[in-house]
Amino acid sequence: MTSEAAGVMRSADVSSRQLRAVIALARHRSFVEAAAFLGVSQPALSRALQRLERSLGTPLFRRSTRAVSLTPAGRDFLPTAERLLTDLDRHLGHMRELADQRRGYVVVASLMSLAHHVLPAATAAYRRRFPGIDLYLREGVQDAIVADVRRSVADIGIANVGGVTDPVVTEPLGEERCVVVLPRRHTLARRRALSIADLAGEPLISMPPESGLRRLVDSTAVAAGVPLHHAITLHQFGTLFSFVRSGLGVAIVPVSALPPGGDRALRVRPLVGPALTRRVGILTLGDRVLSPAAASFREVFKARYALTMRGHPRVLLPGMTR
């Protein structure tokens, strides 16, 4: 509400009920119709108007047995009443939105790779700002994330935006590359970069076949005519890195899944010729309006994802050159 509007309401002791009464009676020009519109009795409507007129020190309406009409003072006051009520409603709506951000819950469905490091960091930042919001996090593969958003199981999905169709709407956040993770003493770790052909015959520690990452790796290998050996299949990136660390194989992962701060037992090498990339973004249902709490989480995640990606020089973000 503007300071001018608030001042008018205080100085004249005007209530929102009285403002609504003035506007309704001016529009309907009938106590019967105005009272029915407001859902109050005619005596209650009359008392509200009488108190307002006493407070203002002038009549706002001419009353007769046949019609109700605005006085000159009423015509002058009507635009003010409409503006006051609009400002008040806008202010109350803003306050309700702030209250909604401080309670309730948000359901987020995320790719497993993003749930490994980026999502926990975003969640911690969000909880510091909105400790009253409960978060329900669902991690899974690409198809499951899209399905959760489409069925309204999740408020927000965080996944690969490629190939996603209506009614799910995508908001791309950036393009990130995949890298090869190897044990520290692996022979291939001596190279500065690796190609998909260099991994032929190497035991791979991989995500399940239905995951978007596995599909990307397999399709790239088939296009290059390179046979890959998925020696061990896992469902968690934490376990994947433990297996690589133990010398059981090598892995191809998106950079957002890498342990923050690095890992001395692992070596990370860029994958080139061709590079494997994916476009990560936010998924929402097109005809569904996000709650203030969910919209706030979306903004917090976007900021955290951008911060994480800036720590990886081989990640391509919007506006960066190749």
Protein backbone atom coordinates (compact mmCIF):
# COMPACT_ATOMS: atom_id res chain seq x y z
CA MET A 1 0.00 0.00 0.00
CA THR A 2 1.30 3.47 -0.81
CA SER A 3 2.11 5.83 2.05
CA GLU A 4 -0.50 8.27 0.71
CA ALA A 5 -3.22 5.61 0.74
CA ALA A 6 -2.26 4.45 4.22
CA GLY A 7 -2.36 8.02 5.45
CA VAL A 8 -5.86 8.60 4.08
CA MET A 9 -7.16 5.44 5.77
CA ARG A 10 -5.59 6.37 9.10
CA SER A 11 -6.66 10.02 9.11
CA ALA A 12 -10.28 9.22 8.26
CA ASP A 13 -10.47 5.93 10.17
CA VAL A 14 -11.49 4.13 6.97
CA SER A 15 -11.79 0.35 6.81
CA SER A 16 -11.58 -1.94 3.79
CA ARG A 17 -15.18 -3.02 4.52
CA GLN A 18 -16.33 0.57 4.14
CA LEU A 19 -14.37 1.01 0.91
CA ARG A 20 -15.95 -2.12 -0.54
CA ALA A 21 -19.37 -0.85 0.50
CA VAL A 22 -18.86 2.47 -1.32
CA ILE A 23 -17.64 0.78 -4.52
CA ALA A 24 -20.42 -1.84 -4.52
CA LEU A 25 -23.19 0.69 -3.92
CA ALA A 26 -21.80 3.05 -6.56
CA ARG A 27 -21.81 0.24 -9.10
CA HIS A 28 -25.17 -1.37 -8.26
CA ARG A 29 -27.05 1.81 -7.15
CA SER A 30 -29.21 -0.39 -4.97
CA PHE A 31 -28.80 -1.36 -1.32
CA VAL A 32 -30.44 -4.71 -2.04
CA GLU A 33 -28.10 -5.61 -4.90
CA ALA A 34 -24.97 -4.19 -3.24
CA ALA A 35 -25.65 -6.08 -0.01
CA ALA A 36 -26.24 -9.31 -1.93
CA PHE A 37 -22.99 -8.77 -3.89
CA LEU A 38 -21.00 -8.24 -0.69
CA GLY A 39 -22.75 -11.04 1.18
CA VAL A 40 -23.91 -8.82 4.04
CA SER A 41 -27.28 -7.64 5.32
CA GLN A 42 -28.74 -4.32 4.19
CA PRO A 43 -28.63 -2.86 7.75
CA ALA A 44 -24.92 -3.80 8.02
CA LEU A 45 -24.22 -2.11 4.67
CA SER A 46 -26.09 1.02 5.76
CA ARG A 47 -24.21 1.18 9.08
CA ALA A 48 -20.82 0.84 7.32
CA LEU A 49 -21.65 3.72 4.97
CA GLN A 50 -23.02 5.90 7.73
CA ARG A 51 -19.87 5.46 9.84
CA LEU A 52 -17.69 6.32 6.84
CA GLU A 53 -19.74 9.45 6.02
CA ARG A 54 -19.51 10.60 9.64
CA SER A 55 -15.77 10.04 9.58
CA LEU A 56 -15.37 11.98 6.32
CA GLY A 57 -17.81 14.69 7.45
CA THR A 58 -19.88 14.62 4.26
CA PRO A 59 -22.53 12.41 2.64
CA LEU A 60 -21.37 10.24 -0.25
CA PHE A 61 -24.79 9.09 -1.51
CA ARG A 62 -28.25 10.53 -2.09
CA ARG A 63 -30.85 8.06 -0.91
CA SER A 64 -34.44 7.91 -2.11
CA THR A 65 -37.15 5.30 -2.25
CA ARG A 66 -36.40 4.72 -5.94
CA ALA A 67 -32.65 5.13 -6.45
CA VAL A 68 -29.26 5.65 -4.87
CA SER A 69 -26.82 8.07 -6.49
CA LEU A 70 -23.44 9.57 -5.68
CA THR A 71 -23.17 13.08 -4.33
CA PRO A 72 -20.44 15.37 -5.76
CA ALA A 73 -18.29 14.39 -2.77
CA GLY A 74 -19.04 10.75 -3.48
CA ARG A 75 -17.97 11.11 -7.11
CA ASP A 76 -14.70 12.65 -5.93
CA PHE A 77 -14.15 9.95 -3.32
CA LEU A 78 -14.93 6.91 -5.52
CA PRO A 79 -11.60 6.86 -7.46
CA THR A 80 -9.75 7.26 -4.17
CA ALA A 81 -11.69 4.34 -2.67
CA GLU A 82 -10.88 2.15 -5.68
CA ARG A 83 -7.19 3.06 -5.52
CA LEU A 84 -7.04 2.49 -1.76
CA LEU A 85 -8.68 -0.90 -2.06
CA THR A 86 -6.44 -1.95 -4.96
CA ASP A 87 -3.32 -0.98 -3.01
CA LEU A 88 -4.57 -2.79 0.06
CA ASP A 89 -5.39 -5.98 -1.84
CA ARG A 90 -1.99 -5.90 -3.55
CA HIS A 91 -0.25 -5.43 -0.22
CA LEU A 92 -2.22 -8.25 1.44
CA GLY A 93 -1.47 -10.53 -1.50
CA HIS A 94 2.23 -9.81 -1.14
CA MET A 95 2.07 -10.59 2.57
CA ARG A 96 0.30 -13.89 1.86
CA GLU A 97 3.03 -14.81 -0.61
CA LEU A 98 5.68 -14.08 1.99
CA ALA A 99 3.80 -16.23 4.50
CA ASP A 100 3.53 -19.07 1.98
CA GLN A 101 7.32 -18.98 1.54
CA ARG A 102 7.76 -19.61 5.24
CA ARG A 103 5.63 -22.73 5.52
CA GLY A 104 4.51 -25.71 3.46
CA TYR A 105 6.60 -28.06 1.36
CA VAL A 106 8.16 -28.39 -2.08
CA VAL A 107 8.66 -31.58 -4.09
CA VAL A 108 11.74 -31.62 -6.32
CA ALA A 109 12.63 -34.43 -8.72
CA SER A 110 16.28 -34.42 -9.79
CA LEU A 111 18.73 -36.41 -11.87
CA MET A 112 20.98 -38.55 -9.68
CA SER A 113 24.08 -36.73 -10.89
CA LEU A 114 22.72 -33.37 -9.75
CA ALA A 115 21.41 -34.85 -6.51
CA HIS A 116 24.96 -35.90 -5.65
CA HIS A 117 26.46 -32.44 -4.94
CA VAL A 118 24.62 -29.52 -6.54
CA LEU A 119 21.20 -30.27 -5.09
CA PRO A 120 22.43 -30.69 -1.48
CA ALA A 121 24.26 -27.35 -1.73
CA ALA A 122 21.16 -25.65 -3.15
CA THR A 123 18.99 -27.25 -0.46
CA ALA A 124 21.28 -25.99 2.30
CA ALA A 125 21.13 -22.46 0.89
CA TYR A 126 17.34 -22.65 0.61
CA ARG A 127 16.87 -23.99 4.13
CA ARG A 128 18.93 -21.12 5.53
CA ARG A 129 16.50 -18.66 3.93
CA PHE A 130 13.27 -20.63 4.47
CA PRO A 131 13.70 -22.97 7.45
CA GLY A 132 9.95 -23.52 7.71
CA ILE A 133 9.66 -25.13 4.26
CA ASP A 134 9.86 -28.92 4.12
CA LEU A 135 11.54 -30.39 1.04
CA TYR A 136 10.76 -33.77 -0.48
CA LEU A 137 13.53 -34.71 -2.91
CA ARG A 138 13.13 -37.49 -5.46
CA GLU A 139 16.25 -38.55 -7.35
CA GLY A 140 16.04 -40.73 -10.41
CA VAL A 141 16.71 -41.13 -14.12
CA GLN A 142 15.60 -38.79 -16.90
CA ASP A 143 12.31 -40.50 -17.79
CA ALA A 144 11.25 -40.67 -14.15
CA ILE A 145 11.92 -36.95 -13.64
CA VAL A 146 9.84 -35.96 -16.68
CA ALA A 147 7.03 -38.30 -15.59
CA ASP A 148 7.00 -36.84 -12.07
CA VAL A 149 6.58 -33.32 -13.46
CA ARG A 150 3.97 -34.36 -16.04
CA ARG A 151 1.83 -36.10 -13.39
CA SER A 152 2.27 -33.19 -10.92
CA VAL A 153 4.03 -35.52 -8.48
CA ALA A 154 6.88 -32.97 -8.38
CA ASP A 155 6.61 -29.19 -8.38
CA ILE A 156 9.97 -28.87 -10.14
CA GLY A 157 12.13 -31.23 -12.16
CA ILE A 158 15.88 -30.82 -12.67
CA ALA A 159 17.02 -32.79 -15.68
CA ASN A 160 18.27 -32.82 -19.24
CA VAL A 161 16.01 -30.50 -21.24
CA GLY A 162 16.74 -32.19 -24.58
CA GLY A 163 13.75 -34.01 -26.06
CA VAL A 164 11.28 -32.81 -23.41
CA THR A 165 7.89 -31.96 -24.93
CA ASP A 166 4.56 -30.37 -23.93
CA PRO A 167 2.93 -30.07 -21.48
CA VAL A 168 6.27 -29.94 -19.65
CA VAL A 169 8.04 -26.59 -20.04
CA THR A 170 11.83 -26.33 -19.91
CA GLU A 171 14.14 -23.55 -18.73
CA PRO A 172 17.71 -24.34 -19.83
CA LEU A 173 20.41 -23.45 -17.31
CA GLY A 174 23.55 -24.43 -19.18
CA GLU A 175 25.40 -26.97 -21.25
CA GLU A 176 27.86 -29.15 -19.41
CA ARG A 177 30.44 -31.62 -20.61
CA CYS A 178 31.11 -35.13 -19.47
CA VAL A 179 34.58 -36.14 -18.28
CA VAL A 180 36.43 -39.37 -17.63
CA VAL A 181 37.22 -40.27 -14.02
CA LEU A 182 40.07 -42.71 -13.44
CA PRO A 183 42.05 -44.18 -10.55
CA ARG A 184 45.09 -42.03 -9.79
CA ARG A 185 47.61 -44.59 -11.06
CA HIS A 186 45.68 -45.67 -14.17
CA THR A 187 47.73 -45.73 -17.37
CA LEU A 188 45.28 -43.43 -19.19
CA ALA A 189 45.62 -40.85 -16.41
CA ARG A 190 48.96 -39.83 -17.94
CA ARG A 191 47.14 -38.28 -20.92
CA ARG A 192 45.83 -34.72 -20.90
CA ALA A 193 42.57 -35.69 -22.66
CA LEU A 194 40.80 -38.85 -23.73
CA SER A 195 38.46 -39.87 -26.53
CA ILE A 196 35.65 -42.41 -26.45
CA ALA A 197 37.89 -44.69 -28.54
CA ASP A 198 40.51 -44.68 -25.76
CA LEU A 199 37.97 -46.37 -23.49
CA ALA A 200 37.34 -49.37 -25.74
CA GLY A 201 37.99 -52.48 -23.69
CA GLU A 202 38.28 -50.59 -20.41
CA PRO A 203 35.97 -51.79 -17.64
CA LEU A 204 33.42 -49.02 -17.14
CA ILE A 205 31.63 -48.19 -13.91
CA SER A 206 28.29 -46.99 -15.28
CA MET A 207 24.83 -45.76 -14.49
CA PRO A 208 21.86 -48.01 -15.45
CA PRO A 209 20.85 -48.32 -19.15
CA GLU A 210 17.64 -46.30 -18.61
CA SER A 211 19.54 -43.25 -17.34
CA GLY A 212 20.04 -40.27 -19.61
CA LEU A 213 23.80 -40.36 -19.04
CA ARG A 214 24.09 -44.01 -20.06
CA ARG A 215 22.03 -43.36 -23.19
CA LEU A 216 24.28 -40.43 -24.09
CA VAL A 217 27.43 -42.49 -23.61
CA ASP A 218 26.12 -45.49 -25.55
CA SER A 219 24.77 -43.44 -28.46
CA THR A 220 28.08 -41.60 -28.80
CA ALA A 221 30.02 -44.86 -28.72
CA VAL A 222 27.75 -46.47 -31.35
CA ALA A 223 28.10 -43.42 -33.61
CA ALA A 224 31.90 -43.64 -33.27
CA GLY A 225 31.90 -47.42 -33.81
CA VAL A 226 33.50 -48.00 -30.40
CA PRO A 227 32.52 -51.08 -28.32
CA LEU A 228 32.23 -50.27 -24.63
CA HIS A 229 32.37 -52.70 -21.71
CA HIS A 230 29.98 -51.73 -18.92
CA ALA A 231 31.59 -53.97 -16.33
CA ILE A 232 29.72 -52.68 -13.26
CA THR A 233 26.36 -50.93 -13.19
CA LEU A 234 25.40 -48.76 -10.19
CA HIS A 235 22.63 -46.37 -9.22
CA GLN A 236 24.50 -43.88 -7.02
CA PHE A 237 27.36 -41.56 -7.94
CA GLY A 238 28.86 -41.78 -4.47
CA THR A 239 29.22 -45.54 -4.92
CA LEU A 240 30.50 -45.05 -8.47
CA PHE A 241 33.40 -42.89 -7.30
CA SER A 242 34.21 -45.38 -4.54
CA PHE A 243 34.47 -48.16 -7.11
CA VAL A 244 36.70 -46.08 -9.38
CA ARG A 245 38.83 -45.13 -6.39
CA SER A 246 39.24 -48.84 -5.63
CA GLY A 247 40.65 -49.47 -9.11
CA LEU A 248 37.67 -51.45 -10.41
CA GLY A 249 37.27 -49.40 -13.57
CA VAL A 250 36.83 -45.94 -15.07
CA ALA A 251 33.70 -43.82 -15.40
CA ILE A 252 32.19 -41.15 -17.62
CA VAL A 253 30.32 -38.54 -15.59
CA PRO A 254 28.97 -34.99 -16.05
CA VAL A 255 31.12 -32.37 -14.35
CA SER A 256 28.32 -31.40 -11.97
CA ALA A 257 28.66 -34.84 -10.36
CA LEU A 258 32.36 -34.44 -9.56
CA PRO A 259 33.30 -34.29 -5.87
CA PRO A 260 33.69 -30.65 -4.81
CA GLY A 261 37.29 -29.73 -4.13
CA GLY A 262 38.60 -32.72 -6.02
CA ASP A 263 39.75 -36.13 -4.80
CA ARG A 264 43.44 -37.06 -4.59
CA ALA A 265 42.69 -40.70 -5.31
CA LEU A 266 41.03 -39.82 -8.64
CA ARG A 267 42.11 -38.22 -11.88
CA VAL A 268 39.70 -36.32 -14.12
CA ARG A 269 40.36 -35.95 -17.84
CA PRO A 270 38.27 -34.14 -20.49
CA LEU A 271 36.50 -36.28 -23.04
CA VAL A 272 37.12 -35.03 -26.58
CA GLY A 273 36.61 -36.01 -30.21
CA PRO A 274 33.63 -36.01 -29.87
CA ALA A 275 32.76 -34.31 -26.61
CA LEU A 276 29.74 -35.57 -24.67
CA THR A 277 27.47 -32.72 -23.52
CA ARG A 278 24.06 -32.38 -21.99
CA ARG A 279 21.75 -29.40 -21.48
CA VAL A 280 20.56 -29.15 -17.89
CA GLY A 281 17.51 -27.14 -16.92
CA ILE A 282 14.38 -26.72 -14.86
CA LEU A 283 11.22 -28.61 -15.80
CA THR A 284 7.74 -27.45 -14.80
CA LEU A 285 4.20 -28.24 -15.90
CA GLY A 286 3.05 -25.64 -18.40
CA ASP A 287 -0.43 -24.98 -16.96
CA ARG A 288 0.60 -25.18 -13.31
CA VAL A 289 1.46 -22.02 -11.36
CA LEU A 290 4.34 -22.58 -8.95
CA SER A 291 3.76 -21.79 -5.31
CA PRO A 292 5.93 -18.98 -3.91
CA ALA A 293 7.93 -21.60 -1.99
CA ALA A 294 8.59 -23.65 -5.15
CA ALA A 295 9.42 -20.55 -7.19
CA SER A 296 11.94 -19.49 -4.55
CA PHE A 297 13.59 -22.91 -4.61
CA ARG A 298 13.88 -22.68 -8.39
CA GLU A 299 15.75 -19.38 -8.10
CA VAL A 300 18.04 -20.68 -5.35
CA PHE A 301 18.90 -23.78 -7.39
CA LYS A 302 19.61 -21.72 -10.51
CA ALA A 303 22.07 -19.57 -8.57
CA ARG A 304 23.78 -22.58 -6.99
CA TYR A 305 24.04 -24.44 -10.30
CA ALA A 306 25.61 -21.39 -11.98
CA LEU A 307 28.11 -21.09 -9.12
CA THR A 308 29.03 -24.78 -9.40
CA MET A 309 29.46 -24.60 -13.15
CA ARG A 310 31.74 -21.57 -12.91
CA GLY A 311 34.13 -23.80 -11.02
CA HIS A 312 34.51 -26.03 -14.09
CA PRO A 313 36.21 -24.16 -16.98
CA ARG A 314 35.19 -26.83 -19.47
CA VAL A 315 31.50 -26.25 -18.90
CA LEU A 316 29.70 -24.08 -21.43
CA LEU A 317 27.19 -21.70 -19.91
CA PRO A 318 24.93 -19.28 -21.77
CA GLY A 319 27.03 -16.37 -23.03
CA MET A 320 30.35 -18.26 -22.88
CA THR A 321 32.31 -18.97 -26.03
CA ARG A 322 33.47 -22.37 -27.12
